[in-house]
Amino acid sequence: MKTAGLKCTLIIFSIVMFWGCGPRLMMPTPNIYLDAEQDIYNNLAADLKSTEVKIFYVTDRMPEKDKEGKLRYGYGR
């Protein structure tokens, strides 16, 4: 009787584990990228064609300095 319960448990466990490994449905490719000949960045200004991204960071944390004197933000407000 004990082995039947163990077998049943292993079967259920296997089904649950392999259920999540099935094929995933992904979003279709947007139409703008389907035509490989089209350059979507052709009309983009030269100064905007960069790998540099401006990041604006806002926090209400209290600025602190670490042991080397570099600015960091602590837990205080």
Protein backbone atom coordinates (compact mmCIF):
# COMPACT_ATOMS: atom_id res chain seq x y z
CA MET A 1 0.00 0.00 0.00
CA LYS A 2 2.87 2.33 0.82
CA THR A 3 4.52 1.91 -2.59
CA ALA A 4 1.24 2.61 -4.43
CA GLY A 5 0.95 5.96 -2.64
CA LEU A 6 4.56 6.74 -3.44
CA LYS A 7 4.07 5.88 -7.11
CA CYS A 8 0.94 8.02 -7.28
CA THR A 9 2.77 10.91 -5.66
CA LEU A 10 5.70 10.59 -8.09
CA ILE A 11 3.34 10.50 -11.08
CA ILE A 12 1.49 13.61 -9.93
CA PHE A 13 4.79 15.36 -9.17
CA SER A 14 6.14 14.47 -12.63
CA ILE A 15 3.02 15.76 -14.36
CA VAL A 16 3.15 19.05 -12.47
CA MET A 17 6.89 19.49 -13.16
CA PHE A 18 6.67 18.73 -16.89
CA TRP A 19 3.54 20.83 -17.33
CA GLY A 20 5.63 23.98 -16.97
CA CYS A 21 8.17 22.83 -19.57
CA GLY A 22 5.75 22.93 -22.49
CA PRO A 23 6.02 25.31 -25.46
CA ARG A 24 5.57 28.98 -24.69
CA LEU A 25 3.38 31.20 -26.82
CA MET A 26 5.26 34.37 -27.60
CA MET A 27 4.06 37.68 -28.99
CA PRO A 28 4.24 37.85 -32.81
CA THR A 29 6.89 40.08 -34.38
CA PRO A 30 5.59 43.66 -34.82
CA ASN A 31 4.89 44.58 -38.44
CA ILE A 32 7.53 47.33 -38.41
CA TYR A 33 10.27 44.67 -38.01
CA LEU A 34 8.91 42.15 -40.54
CA ASP A 35 10.35 44.00 -43.56
CA ALA A 36 14.12 43.52 -43.23
CA GLU A 37 14.82 46.02 -46.03
CA GLN A 38 13.26 48.92 -44.12
CA ASP A 39 15.58 51.03 -41.92
CA ILE A 40 13.39 52.32 -39.11
CA TYR A 41 16.18 54.62 -37.87
CA ASN A 42 16.76 56.28 -41.24
CA ASN A 43 14.90 59.50 -40.33
CA LEU A 44 16.37 59.72 -36.82
CA ALA A 45 18.53 62.79 -36.11
CA ALA A 46 22.27 62.07 -35.92
CA ASP A 47 22.59 63.33 -32.34
CA LEU A 48 19.92 60.84 -31.24
CA LYS A 49 21.77 57.88 -32.78
CA SER A 50 23.83 56.99 -29.74
CA THR A 51 24.36 54.13 -27.33
CA GLU A 52 24.41 56.60 -24.45
CA VAL A 53 21.20 56.90 -22.46
CA LYS A 54 20.40 59.80 -20.16
CA ILE A 55 19.08 58.56 -16.83
CA PHE A 56 17.31 60.82 -14.39
CA TYR A 57 17.38 59.54 -10.85
CA VAL A 58 15.20 60.89 -8.07
CA THR A 59 15.24 59.69 -4.49
CA ASP A 60 14.14 60.90 -1.11
CA ARG A 61 16.99 59.07 0.62
CA MET A 62 19.55 60.97 2.65
CA PRO A 63 22.91 61.35 0.87
CA GLU A 64 25.89 59.87 2.74
CA LYS A 65 29.56 59.37 2.02
CA ASP A 66 31.20 55.98 2.25
CA LYS A 67 34.67 55.27 3.70
CA GLU A 68 36.37 56.40 0.48
CA GLY A 69 34.35 59.63 0.36
CA LYS A 70 32.11 58.58 -2.51
CA LEU A 71 28.48 59.68 -2.52
CA ARG A 72 25.89 57.03 -1.73
CA TYR A 73 22.37 57.00 -0.40
CA GLY A 74 21.58 55.56 3.01
CA TYR A 75 18.43 54.34 4.67
CA GLY A 76 17.46 57.67 6.19
CA ARG A 77 15.12 60.19 4.64
